[in-house]
Amino acid sequence: FEAVFSPDEKRIATASNDHTIKLWNAETGQELLTLEDH
């Protein structure tokens, strides 16, 4: 549903219908972390 830049634009956060938020490396596309609690 949403994808946003971190203030330094080194990370990206995504919000999803799968009930999670994911953090990504904005330069490589590598997934850094999945946040699950919703």
Full PDB file with SEQRES, HELIX, SHEET, SSBOND, CRYST1, ORIGX, SCALE, CONECT and MASTER records, all heavy atoms in Angstrom:
SEQRES   1 A   38  PHE GLU ALA VAL PHE SER PRO ASP GLU LYS ARG ILE ALA          
SEQRES   2 A   38  THR ALA SER ASN ASP HIS THR ILE LYS LEU TRP ASN ALA          
SEQRES   3 A   38  GLU THR GLY GLN GLU LEU LEU THR LEU GLU ASP HIS              
SHEET    1 AA1 4 GLU A   2  PHE A   5  0                                        
SHEET    2 AA1 4 ARG A  11  ALA A  15 -1                                        
SHEET    3 AA1 4 THR A  20  ASN A  25 -1                                        
SHEET    4 AA1 4 GLU A  31  GLU A  36 -1                                        
CRYST1    1.000    1.000    1.000  90.00  90.00  90.00 P 1           1          
ORIGX1      1.000000  0.000000  0.000000        0.00000                         
ORIGX2      0.000000  1.000000  0.000000        0.00000                         
ORIGX3      0.000000  0.000000  1.000000        0.00000                         
SCALE1      1.000000  0.000000  0.000000        0.00000                         
SCALE2      0.000000  1.000000  0.000000        0.00000                         
SCALE3      0.000000  0.000000  1.000000        0.00000                         
ATOM      1  N   PHE A   1       0.805  -1.212   0.000  1.00  0.00           N  
ATOM      2  CA  PHE A   1       0.000   0.000   0.000  1.00  0.00           C  
ATOM      3  C   PHE A   1       0.842   1.268   0.000  1.00  0.00           C  
ATOM      4  O   PHE A   1       0.427   2.282  -0.533  1.00  0.00           O  
ATOM      5  CB  PHE A   1      -0.945   0.022   1.211  1.00  0.00           C  
ATOM      6  CG  PHE A   1      -2.011  -1.031   1.151  1.00  0.00           C  
ATOM      7  CD1 PHE A   1      -2.213  -1.871   2.223  1.00  0.00           C  
ATOM      8  CD2 PHE A   1      -2.810  -1.174   0.044  1.00  0.00           C  
ATOM      9  CE1 PHE A   1      -3.213  -2.839   2.191  1.00  0.00           C  
ATOM     10  CE2 PHE A   1      -3.802  -2.149  -0.010  1.00  0.00           C  
ATOM     11  CZ  PHE A   1      -4.004  -2.981   1.071  1.00  0.00           C  
ATOM     12  N   GLU A   2       2.011   1.205   0.623  1.00  0.00           N  
ATOM     13  CA  GLU A   2       2.839   2.410   0.680  1.00  0.00           C  
ATOM     14  C   GLU A   2       4.308   2.039   0.715  1.00  0.00           C  
ATOM     15  O   GLU A   2       4.692   1.008   1.266  1.00  0.00           O  
ATOM     16  CB  GLU A   2       2.497   3.245   1.919  1.00  0.00           C  
ATOM     17  CG  GLU A   2       3.195   4.572   1.915  1.00  0.00           C  
ATOM     18  CD  GLU A   2       2.539   5.595   2.813  1.00  0.00           C  
ATOM     19  OE1 GLU A   2       1.985   5.220   3.858  1.00  0.00           O  
ATOM     20  OE2 GLU A   2       2.598   6.784   2.463  1.00  0.00           O  
ATOM     21  N   ALA A   3       5.116   2.904   0.098  1.00  0.00           N  
ATOM     22  CA  ALA A   3       6.575   2.771   0.126  1.00  0.00           C  
ATOM     23  C   ALA A   3       7.139   4.172   0.356  1.00  0.00           C  
ATOM     24  O   ALA A   3       6.754   5.114  -0.340  1.00  0.00           O  
ATOM     25  CB  ALA A   3       7.094   2.197  -1.186  1.00  0.00           C  
ATOM     26  N   VAL A   4       8.036   4.295   1.357  1.00  0.00           N  
ATOM     27  CA  VAL A   4       8.570   5.612   1.715  1.00  0.00           C  
ATOM     28  C   VAL A   4      10.082   5.549   1.911  1.00  0.00           C  
ATOM     29  O   VAL A   4      10.626   4.528   2.305  1.00  0.00           O  
ATOM     30  CB  VAL A   4       7.911   6.175   2.999  1.00  0.00           C  
ATOM     31  CG1 VAL A   4       6.425   6.410   2.789  1.00  0.00           C  
ATOM     32  CG2 VAL A   4       8.147   5.270   4.189  1.00  0.00           C  
ATOM     33  N   PHE A   5      10.727   6.674   1.638  1.00  0.00           N  
ATOM     34  CA  PHE A   5      12.154   6.830   1.881  1.00  0.00           C  
ATOM     35  C   PHE A   5      12.408   7.193   3.336  1.00  0.00           C  
ATOM     36  O   PHE A   5      11.629   7.953   3.932  1.00  0.00           O  
ATOM     37  CB  PHE A   5      12.721   7.998   1.053  1.00  0.00           C  
ATOM     38  CG  PHE A   5      12.797   7.762  -0.418  1.00  0.00           C  
ATOM     39  CD1 PHE A   5      11.845   8.291  -1.265  1.00  0.00           C  
ATOM     40  CD2 PHE A   5      13.852   7.054  -0.967  1.00  0.00           C  
ATOM     41  CE1 PHE A   5      11.929   8.113  -2.637  1.00  0.00           C  
ATOM     42  CE2 PHE A   5      13.950   6.874  -2.338  1.00  0.00           C  
ATOM     43  CZ  PHE A   5      12.986   7.396  -3.179  1.00  0.00           C  
ATOM     44  N   SER A   6      13.523   6.719   3.896  1.00  0.00           N  
ATOM     45  CA  SER A   6      14.006   7.239   5.174  1.00  0.00           C  
ATOM     46  C   SER A   6      14.544   8.641   4.909  1.00  0.00           C  
ATOM     47  O   SER A   6      14.833   8.997   3.760  1.00  0.00           O  
ATOM     48  CB  SER A   6      15.105   6.342   5.747  1.00  0.00           C  
ATOM     49  OG  SER A   6      16.239   6.327   4.900  1.00  0.00           O  
ATOM     50  N   PRO A   7      14.688   9.469   5.945  1.00  0.00           N  
ATOM     51  CA  PRO A   7      15.188  10.833   5.725  1.00  0.00           C  
ATOM     52  C   PRO A   7      16.543  10.894   5.007  1.00  0.00           C  
ATOM     53  O   PRO A   7      16.771  11.795   4.201  1.00  0.00           O  
ATOM     54  CB  PRO A   7      15.271  11.424   7.132  1.00  0.00           C  
ATOM     55  CG  PRO A   7      14.229  10.673   7.903  1.00  0.00           C  
ATOM     56  CD  PRO A   7      14.278   9.266   7.340  1.00  0.00           C  
ATOM     57  N   ASP A   8      17.426   9.941   5.271  1.00  0.00           N  
ATOM     58  CA  ASP A   8      18.733   9.931   4.584  1.00  0.00           C  
ATOM     59  C   ASP A   8      18.677   9.171   3.258  1.00  0.00           C  
ATOM     60  O   ASP A   8      19.676   9.075   2.547  1.00  0.00           O  
ATOM     61  CB  ASP A   8      19.828   9.349   5.479  1.00  0.00           C  
ATOM     62  CG  ASP A   8      19.614   7.885   5.843  1.00  0.00           C  
ATOM     63  OD1 ASP A   8      18.682   7.239   5.316  1.00  0.00           O  
ATOM     64  OD2 ASP A   8      20.391   7.391   6.677  1.00  0.00           O  
ATOM     65  N   GLU A   9      17.521   8.623   2.925  1.00  0.00           N  
ATOM     66  CA  GLU A   9      17.245   7.887   1.691  1.00  0.00           C  
ATOM     67  C   GLU A   9      18.102   6.632   1.517  1.00  0.00           C  
ATOM     68  O   GLU A   9      18.232   6.111   0.421  1.00  0.00           O  
ATOM     69  CB  GLU A   9      17.333   8.803   0.463  1.00  0.00           C  
ATOM     70  CG  GLU A   9      16.291   9.890   0.520  1.00  0.00           C  
ATOM     71  CD  GLU A   9      16.219  10.765  -0.712  1.00  0.00           C  
ATOM     72  OE1 GLU A   9      17.071  10.630  -1.611  1.00  0.00           O  
ATOM     73  OE2 GLU A   9      15.295  11.582  -0.777  1.00  0.00           O  
ATOM     74  N   LYS A  10      18.630   6.112   2.615  1.00  0.00           N  
ATOM     75  CA  LYS A  10      19.409   4.875   2.567  1.00  0.00           C  
ATOM     76  C   LYS A  10      18.542   3.640   2.786  1.00  0.00           C  
ATOM     77  O   LYS A  10      18.944   2.526   2.489  1.00  0.00           O  
ATOM     78  CB  LYS A  10      20.535   4.908   3.590  1.00  0.00           C  
ATOM     79  CG  LYS A  10      21.591   5.945   3.252  1.00  0.00           C  
ATOM     80  CD  LYS A  10      22.708   5.935   4.251  1.00  0.00           C  
ATOM     81  CE  LYS A  10      23.759   6.962   3.852  1.00  0.00           C  
ATOM     82  NZ  LYS A  10      24.850   7.017   4.812  1.00  0.00           N  
ATOM     83  N   ARG A  11      17.349   3.854   3.324  1.00  0.00           N  
ATOM     84  CA  ARG A  11      16.418   2.764   3.583  1.00  0.00           C  
ATOM     85  C   ARG A  11      15.055   3.112   3.015  1.00  0.00           C  
ATOM     86  O   ARG A  11      14.721   4.278   2.825  1.00  0.00           O  
ATOM     87  CB  ARG A  11      16.284   2.503   5.088  1.00  0.00           C  
ATOM     88  CG  ARG A  11      17.543   1.935   5.698  1.00  0.00           C  
ATOM     89  CD  ARG A  11      17.490   1.958   7.206  1.00  0.00           C  
ATOM     90  NE  ARG A  11      17.577   3.359   7.631  1.00  0.00           N  
ATOM     91  CZ  ARG A  11      16.949   3.868   8.682  1.00  0.00           C  
ATOM     92  NH1 ARG A  11      16.204   3.112   9.442  1.00  0.00           N  
ATOM     93  NH2 ARG A  11      17.083   5.139   9.002  1.00  0.00           N  
ATOM     94  N   ILE A  12      14.298   2.078   2.768  1.00  0.00           N  
ATOM     95  CA  ILE A  12      12.925   2.219   2.307  1.00  0.00           C  
ATOM     96  C   ILE A  12      12.072   1.349   3.211  1.00  0.00           C  
ATOM     97  O   ILE A  12      12.468   0.237   3.582  1.00  0.00           O  
ATOM     98  CB  ILE A  12      12.803   1.794   0.829  1.00  0.00           C  
ATOM     99  CG1 ILE A  12      13.476   2.864  -0.042  1.00  0.00           C  
ATOM    100  CG2 ILE A  12      11.357   1.562   0.421  1.00  0.00           C  
ATOM    101  CD1 ILE A  12      13.704   2.466  -1.462  1.00  0.00           C  
ATOM    102  N   ALA A  13      10.900   1.852   3.575  1.00  0.00           N  
ATOM    103  CA  ALA A  13       9.932   1.069   4.338  1.00  0.00           C  
ATOM    104  C   ALA A  13       8.706   0.850   3.462  1.00  0.00           C  
ATOM    105  O   ALA A  13       8.278   1.754   2.740  1.00  0.00           O  
ATOM    106  CB  ALA A  13       9.546   1.787   5.627  1.00  0.00           C  
ATOM    107  N   THR A  14       8.159  -0.366   3.528  1.00  0.00           N  
ATOM    108  CA  THR A  14       6.944  -0.683   2.794  1.00  0.00           C  
ATOM    109  C   THR A  14       5.884  -1.210   3.753  1.00  0.00           C  
ATOM    110  O   THR A  14       6.194  -1.937   4.700  1.00  0.00           O  
ATOM    111  CB  THR A  14       7.212  -1.731   1.688  1.00  0.00           C  
ATOM    112  OG1 THR A  14       7.853  -2.876   2.253  1.00  0.00           O  
ATOM    113  CG2 THR A  14       8.077  -1.152   0.580  1.00  0.00           C  
ATOM    114  N   ALA A  15       4.629  -0.837   3.515  1.00  0.00           N  
ATOM    115  CA  ALA A  15       3.483  -1.281   4.307  1.00  0.00           C  
ATOM    116  C   ALA A  15       2.602  -2.135   3.412  1.00  0.00           C  
ATOM    117  O   ALA A  15       2.345  -1.775   2.263  1.00  0.00           O  
ATOM    118  CB  ALA A  15       2.700  -0.071   4.818  1.00  0.00           C  
ATOM    119  N   SER A  16       2.132  -3.273   3.962  1.00  0.00           N  
ATOM    120  CA  SER A  16       1.460  -4.240   3.090  1.00  0.00           C  
ATOM    121  C   SER A  16       0.181  -4.819   3.670  1.00  0.00           C  
ATOM    122  O   SER A  16      -0.024  -4.869   4.883  1.00  0.00           O  
ATOM    123  CB  SER A  16       2.431  -5.384   2.787  1.00  0.00           C  
ATOM    124  OG  SER A  16       1.810  -6.407   2.048  1.00  0.00           O  
ATOM    125  N   ASN A  17      -0.617  -5.326   2.748  1.00  0.00           N  
ATOM    126  CA  ASN A  17      -1.819  -6.077   3.079  1.00  0.00           C  
ATOM    127  C   ASN A  17      -1.489  -7.420   3.739  1.00  0.00           C  
ATOM    128  O   ASN A  17      -2.362  -8.075   4.282  1.00  0.00           O  
ATOM    129  CB  ASN A  17      -2.627  -6.301   1.790  1.00  0.00           C  
ATOM    130  CG  ASN A  17      -4.022  -6.802   2.039  1.00  0.00           C  
ATOM    131  OD1 ASN A  17      -4.538  -6.750   3.151  1.00  0.00           O  
ATOM    132  ND2 ASN A  17      -4.659  -7.298   1.004  1.00  0.00           N  
ATOM    133  N   ASP A  18      -0.217  -7.827   3.730  1.00  0.00           N  
ATOM    134  CA  ASP A  18       0.180  -9.077   4.394  1.00  0.00           C  
ATOM    135  C   ASP A  18       0.419  -8.893   5.892  1.00  0.00           C  
ATOM    136  O   ASP A  18       0.946  -9.773   6.552  1.00  0.00           O  
ATOM    137  CB  ASP A  18       1.390  -9.718   3.708  1.00  0.00           C  
ATOM    138  CG  ASP A  18       2.681  -8.917   3.844  1.00  0.00           C  
ATOM    139  OD1 ASP A  18       2.726  -7.927   4.611  1.00  0.00           O  
ATOM    140  OD2 ASP A  18       3.663  -9.291   3.164  1.00  0.00           O  
ATOM    141  N   HIS A  19       0.038  -7.720   6.432  1.00  0.00           N  
ATOM    142  CA  HIS A  19       0.088  -7.383   7.867  1.00  0.00           C  
ATOM    143  C   HIS A  19       1.502  -7.021   8.325  1.00  0.00           C  
ATOM    144  O   HIS A  19       1.747  -6.973   9.534  1.00  0.00           O  
ATOM    145  CB  HIS A  19      -0.451  -8.507   8.756  1.00  0.00           C  
ATOM    146  CG  HIS A  19      -1.802  -9.019   8.380  1.00  0.00           C  
ATOM    147  ND1 HIS A  19      -2.459  -9.954   9.131  1.00  0.00           N  
ATOM    148  CD2 HIS A  19      -2.631  -8.743   7.345  1.00  0.00           C  
ATOM    149  CE1 HIS A  19      -3.628 -10.236   8.579  1.00  0.00           C  
ATOM    150  NE2 HIS A  19      -3.738  -9.499   7.488  1.00  0.00           N  
ATOM    151  N   THR A  20       2.431  -6.789   7.405  1.00  0.00           N  
ATOM    152  CA  THR A  20       3.812  -6.504   7.788  1.00  0.00           C  
ATOM    153  C   THR A  20       4.306  -5.177   7.222  1.00  0.00           C  
ATOM    154  O   THR A  20       3.724  -4.607   6.301  1.00  0.00           O  
ATOM    155  CB  THR A  20       4.785  -7.604   7.293  1.00  0.00           C  
ATOM    156  OG1 THR A  20       4.884  -7.540   5.867  1.00  0.00           O  
ATOM    157  CG2 THR A  20       4.355  -8.991   7.736  1.00  0.00           C  
ATOM    158  N   ILE A  21       5.408  -4.739   7.811  1.00  0.00           N  
ATOM    159  CA  ILE A  21       6.210  -3.629   7.303  1.00  0.00           C  
ATOM    160  C   ILE A  21       7.584  -4.232   7.024  1.00  0.00           C  
ATOM    161  O   ILE A  21       8.093  -5.012   7.828  1.00  0.00           O  
ATOM    162  CB  ILE A  21       6.349  -2.502   8.343  1.00  0.00           C  
ATOM    163  CG1 ILE A  21       4.976  -1.929   8.690  1.00  0.00           C  
ATOM    164  CG2 ILE A  21       7.288  -1.411   7.849  1.00  0.00           C  
ATOM    165  CD1 ILE A  21       4.730  -1.936  10.146  1.00  0.00           C  
ATOM    166  N   LYS A  22       8.143  -3.882   5.896  1.00  0.00           N  
ATOM    167  CA  LYS A  22       9.495  -4.352   5.592  1.00  0.00           C  
ATOM    168  C   LYS A  22      10.414  -3.150   5.421  1.00  0.00           C  
ATOM    169  O   LYS A  22      10.007  -2.120   4.895  1.00  0.00           O  
ATOM    170  CB  LYS A  22       9.521  -5.208   4.320  1.00  0.00           C  
ATOM    171  CG  LYS A  22       8.838  -6.552   4.509  1.00  0.00           C  
ATOM    172  CD  LYS A  22       9.013  -7.449   3.301  1.00  0.00           C  
ATOM    173  CE  LYS A  22       8.306  -8.773   3.494  1.00  0.00           C  
ATOM    174  NZ  LYS A  22       9.006  -9.707   4.360  1.00  0.00           N  
ATOM    175  N   LEU A  23      11.652  -3.318   5.910  1.00  0.00           N  
ATOM    176  CA  LEU A  23      12.705  -2.336   5.690  1.00  0.00           C  
ATOM    177  C   LEU A  23      13.662  -2.900   4.660  1.00  0.00           C  
ATOM    178  O   LEU A  23      14.018  -4.078   4.713  1.00  0.00           O  
ATOM    179  CB  LEU A  23      13.462  -2.060   6.991  1.00  0.00           C  
ATOM    180  CG  LEU A  23      12.775  -1.192   8.016  1.00  0.00           C  
ATOM    181  CD1 LEU A  23      13.648  -1.067   9.258  1.00  0.00           C  
ATOM    182  CD2 LEU A  23      12.473   0.176   7.467  1.00  0.00           C  
ATOM    183  N   TRP A  24      14.109  -2.030   3.751  1.00  0.00           N  
ATOM    184  CA  TRP A  24      14.953  -2.429   2.629  1.00  0.00           C  
ATOM    185  C   TRP A  24      16.155  -1.511   2.524  1.00  0.00           C  
ATOM    186  O   TRP A  24      16.070  -0.325   2.858  1.00  0.00           O  
ATOM    187  CB  TRP A  24      14.184  -2.316   1.318  1.00  0.00           C  
ATOM    188  CG  TRP A  24      12.850  -2.979   1.301  1.00  0.00           C  
ATOM    189  CD1 TRP A  24      11.664  -2.456   1.730  1.00  0.00           C  
ATOM    190  CD2 TRP A  24      12.553  -4.284   0.805  1.00  0.00           C  
ATOM    191  NE1 TRP A  24      10.648  -3.357   1.536  1.00  0.00           N  
ATOM    192  CE2 TRP A  24      11.158  -4.488   0.966  1.00  0.00           C  
ATOM    193  CE3 TRP A  24      13.319  -5.303   0.243  1.00  0.00           C  
ATOM    194  CZ2 TRP A  24      10.527  -5.663   0.588  1.00  0.00           C  
ATOM    195  CZ3 TRP A  24      12.688  -6.464  -0.145  1.00  0.00           C  
ATOM    196  CH2 TRP A  24      11.305  -6.646   0.025  1.00  0.00           C  
ATOM    197  N   ASN A  25      17.240  -2.037   1.997  1.00  0.00           N  
ATOM    198  CA  ASN A  25      18.390  -1.218   1.625  1.00  0.00           C  
ATOM    199  C   ASN A  25      18.034  -0.539   0.306  1.00  0.00           C  
ATOM    200  O   ASN A  25      17.739  -1.217  -0.686  1.00  0.00           O  
ATOM    201  CB  ASN A  25      19.634  -2.093   1.475  1.00  0.00           C  
ATOM    202  CG  ASN A  25      20.865  -1.305   1.106  1.00  0.00           C  
ATOM    203  OD1 ASN A  25      20.880  -0.551   0.140  1.00  0.00           O  
ATOM    204  ND2 ASN A  25      21.919  -1.491   1.878  1.00  0.00           N  
ATOM    205  N   ALA A  26      18.056   0.787   0.273  1.00  0.00           N  
ATOM    206  CA  ALA A  26      17.629   1.542  -0.903  1.00  0.00           C  
ATOM    207  C   ALA A  26      18.636   1.500  -2.043  1.00  0.00           C  
ATOM    208  O   ALA A  26      18.303   1.864  -3.166  1.00  0.00           O  
ATOM    209  CB  ALA A  26      17.342   2.988  -0.524  1.00  0.00           C  
ATOM    210  N   GLU A  27      19.851   1.053  -1.765  1.00  0.00           N  
ATOM    211  CA  GLU A  27      20.865   0.990  -2.820  1.00  0.00           C  
ATOM    212  C   GLU A  27      20.957  -0.404  -3.448  1.00  0.00           C  
ATOM    213  O   GLU A  27      21.259  -0.522  -4.632  1.00  0.00           O  
ATOM    214  CB  GLU A  27      22.218   1.407  -2.267  1.00  0.00           C  
ATOM    215  CG  GLU A  27      22.237   2.872  -1.862  1.00  0.00           C  
ATOM    216  CD  GLU A  27      23.553   3.302  -1.236  1.00  0.00           C  
ATOM    217  OE1 GLU A  27      24.543   2.558  -1.331  1.00  0.00           O  
ATOM    218  OE2 GLU A  27      23.568   4.383  -0.645  1.00  0.00           O  
ATOM    219  N   THR A  28      20.692  -1.449  -2.660  1.00  0.00           N  
ATOM    220  CA  THR A  28      20.842  -2.819  -3.166  1.00  0.00           C  
ATOM    221  C   THR A  28      19.513  -3.539  -3.350  1.00  0.00           C  
ATOM    222  O   THR A  28      19.459  -4.547  -4.055  1.00  0.00           O  
ATOM    223  CB  THR A  28      21.698  -3.656  -2.203  1.00  0.00           C  
ATOM    224  OG1 THR A  28      20.971  -3.827  -0.969  1.00  0.00           O  
ATOM    225  CG2 THR A  28      23.052  -3.015  -1.951  1.00  0.00           C  
ATOM    226  N   GLY A  29      18.464  -3.064  -2.685  1.00  0.00           N  
ATOM    227  CA  GLY A  29      17.174  -3.742  -2.724  1.00  0.00           C  
ATOM    228  C   GLY A  29      17.061  -4.885  -1.745  1.00  0.00           C  
ATOM    229  O   GLY A  29      16.027  -5.554  -1.670  1.00  0.00           O  
ATOM    230  N   GLN A  30      18.100  -5.120  -0.953  1.00  0.00           N  
ATOM    231  CA  GLN A  30      18.097  -6.213   0.014  1.00  0.00           C  
ATOM    232  C   GLN A  30      17.114  -5.937   1.141  1.00  0.00           C  
ATOM    233  O   GLN A  30      17.076  -4.834   1.692  1.00  0.00           O  
ATOM    234  CB  GLN A  30      19.494  -6.408   0.593  1.00  0.00           C  
ATOM    235  CG  GLN A  30      19.562  -7.474   1.659  1.00  0.00           C  
ATOM    236  CD  GLN A  30      20.932  -7.560   2.318  1.00  0.00           C  
ATOM    237  OE1 GLN A  30      21.829  -6.788   2.023  1.00  0.00           O  
ATOM    238  NE2 GLN A  30      21.082  -8.505   3.219  1.00  0.00           N  
ATOM    239  N   GLU A  31      16.342  -6.961   1.497  1.00  0.00           N  
ATOM    240  CA  GLU A  31      15.443  -6.847   2.645  1.00  0.00           C  
ATOM    241  C   GLU A  31      16.270  -6.864   3.912  1.00  0.00           C  
ATOM    242  O   GLU A  31      17.099  -7.748   4.115  1.00  0.00           O  
ATOM    243  CB  GLU A  31      14.445  -7.998   2.640  1.00  0.00           C  
ATOM    244  CG  GLU A  31      13.428  -7.901   3.748  1.00  0.00           C  
ATOM    245  CD  GLU A  31      12.454  -9.066   3.741  1.00  0.00           C  
ATOM    246  OE1 GLU A  31      12.106  -9.570   2.661  1.00  0.00           O  
ATOM    247  OE2 GLU A  31      12.054  -9.471   4.850  1.00  0.00           O  
ATOM    248  N   LEU A  32      16.055  -5.880   4.794  1.00  0.00           N  
ATOM    249  CA  LEU A  32      16.801  -5.765   6.039  1.00  0.00           C  
ATOM    250  C   LEU A  32      16.044  -6.347   7.227  1.00  0.00           C  
ATOM    251  O   LEU A  32      16.657  -6.915   8.129  1.00  0.00           O  
ATOM    252  CB  LEU A  32      17.125  -4.295   6.321  1.00  0.00           C  
ATOM    253  CG  LEU A  32      17.916  -3.554   5.250  1.00  0.00           C  
ATOM    254  CD1 LEU A  32      17.992  -2.070   5.577  1.00  0.00           C  
ATOM    255  CD2 LEU A  32      19.297  -4.168   5.113  1.00  0.00           C  
ATOM    256  N   LEU A  33      14.725  -6.193   7.232  1.00  0.00           N  
ATOM    257  CA  LEU A  33      13.950  -6.545   8.421  1.00  0.00           C  
ATOM    258  C   LEU A  33      12.474  -6.596   8.073  1.00  0.00           C  
ATOM    259  O   LEU A  33      11.996  -5.809   7.259  1.00  0.00           O  
ATOM    260  CB  LEU A  33      14.182  -5.468   9.485  1.00  0.00           C  
ATOM    261  CG  LEU A  33      13.558  -5.608  10.852  1.00  0.00           C  
ATOM    262  CD1 LEU A  33      14.123  -6.821  11.582  1.00  0.00           C  
ATOM    263  CD2 LEU A  33      13.822  -4.358  11.668  1.00  0.00           C  
ATOM    264  N   THR A  34      11.768  -7.527   8.690  1.00  0.00           N  
ATOM    265  CA  THR A  34      10.311  -7.574   8.596  1.00  0.00           C  
ATOM    266  C   THR A  34       9.742  -7.319   9.979  1.00  0.00           C  
ATOM    267  O   THR A  34      10.140  -7.973  10.941  1.00  0.00           O  
ATOM    268  CB  THR A  34       9.822  -8.938   8.077  1.00  0.00           C  
ATOM    269  OG1 THR A  34      10.353  -9.153   6.770  1.00  0.00           O  
ATOM    270  CG2 THR A  34       8.304  -8.991   8.008  1.00  0.00           C  
ATOM    271  N   LEU A  35       8.828  -6.367  10.067  1.00  0.00           N  
ATOM    272  CA  LEU A  35       8.172  -6.022  11.329  1.00  0.00           C  
ATOM    273  C   LEU A  35       6.769  -6.621  11.304  1.00  0.00           C  
ATOM    274  O   LEU A  35       5.971  -6.303  10.427  1.00  0.00           O  
ATOM    275  CB  LEU A  35       8.112  -4.508  11.505  1.00  0.00           C  
ATOM    276  CG  LEU A  35       9.470  -3.806  11.506  1.00  0.00           C  
ATOM    277  CD1 LEU A  35       9.305  -2.303  11.445  1.00  0.00           C  
ATOM    278  CD2 LEU A  35      10.275  -4.211  12.729  1.00  0.00           C  
ATOM    279  N   GLU A  36       6.513  -7.494  12.286  1.00  0.00           N  
ATOM    280  CA  GLU A  36       5.241  -8.200  12.347  1.00  0.00           C  
ATOM    281  C   GLU A  36       4.617  -8.006  13.719  1.00  0.00           C  
ATOM    282  O   GLU A  36       5.199  -8.402  14.712  1.00  0.00           O  
ATOM    283  CB  GLU A  36       5.458  -9.695  12.115  1.00  0.00           C  
ATOM    284  CG  GLU A  36       6.114 -10.031  10.800  1.00  0.00           C  
ATOM    285  CD  GLU A  36       6.464 -11.499  10.689  1.00  0.00           C  
ATOM    286  OE1 GLU A  36       7.238 -11.978  11.542  1.00  0.00           O  
ATOM    287  OE2 GLU A  36       5.969 -12.143   9.766  1.00  0.00           O  
ATOM    288  N   ASP A  37       3.486  -7.405  13.770  1.00  0.00           N  
ATOM    289  CA  ASP A  37       2.723  -7.307  15.012  1.00  0.00           C  
ATOM    290  C   ASP A  37       1.294  -6.893  14.711  1.00  0.00           C  
ATOM    291  O   ASP A  37       0.406  -7.171  15.493  1.00  0.00           O  
ATOM    292  CB  ASP A  37       3.365  -6.333  15.994  1.00  0.00           C  
ATOM    293  CG  ASP A  37       2.818  -6.504  17.408  1.00  0.00           C  
ATOM    294  OD1 ASP A  37       2.513  -7.646  17.793  1.00  0.00           O  
ATOM    295  OD2 ASP A  37       2.672  -5.498  18.109  1.00  0.00           O  
ATOM    296  N   HIS A  38       1.078  -6.239  13.576  1.00  0.00           N  
ATOM    297  CA  HIS A  38      -0.288  -5.874  13.220  1.00  0.00           C  
ATOM    298  C   HIS A  38      -1.096  -7.135  12.922  1.00  0.00           C  
ATOM    299  O   HIS A  38      -0.560  -8.126  12.439  1.00  0.00           O  
ATOM    300  CB  HIS A  38      -0.296  -4.943  12.001  1.00  0.00           C  
ATOM    301  CG  HIS A  38       0.090  -3.537  12.321  1.00  0.00           C  
ATOM    302  ND1 HIS A  38      -0.681  -2.712  13.105  1.00  0.00           N  
ATOM    303  CD2 HIS A  38       1.179  -2.811  11.959  1.00  0.00           C  
ATOM    304  CE1 HIS A  38      -0.091  -1.535  13.214  1.00  0.00           C  
ATOM    305  NE2 HIS A  38       1.045  -1.567  12.531  1.00  0.00           N  
TER     306      HIS A  38                                                      
MASTER        0    0    0    0    4    0    0    6  305    1    0    3          
END                                                                             
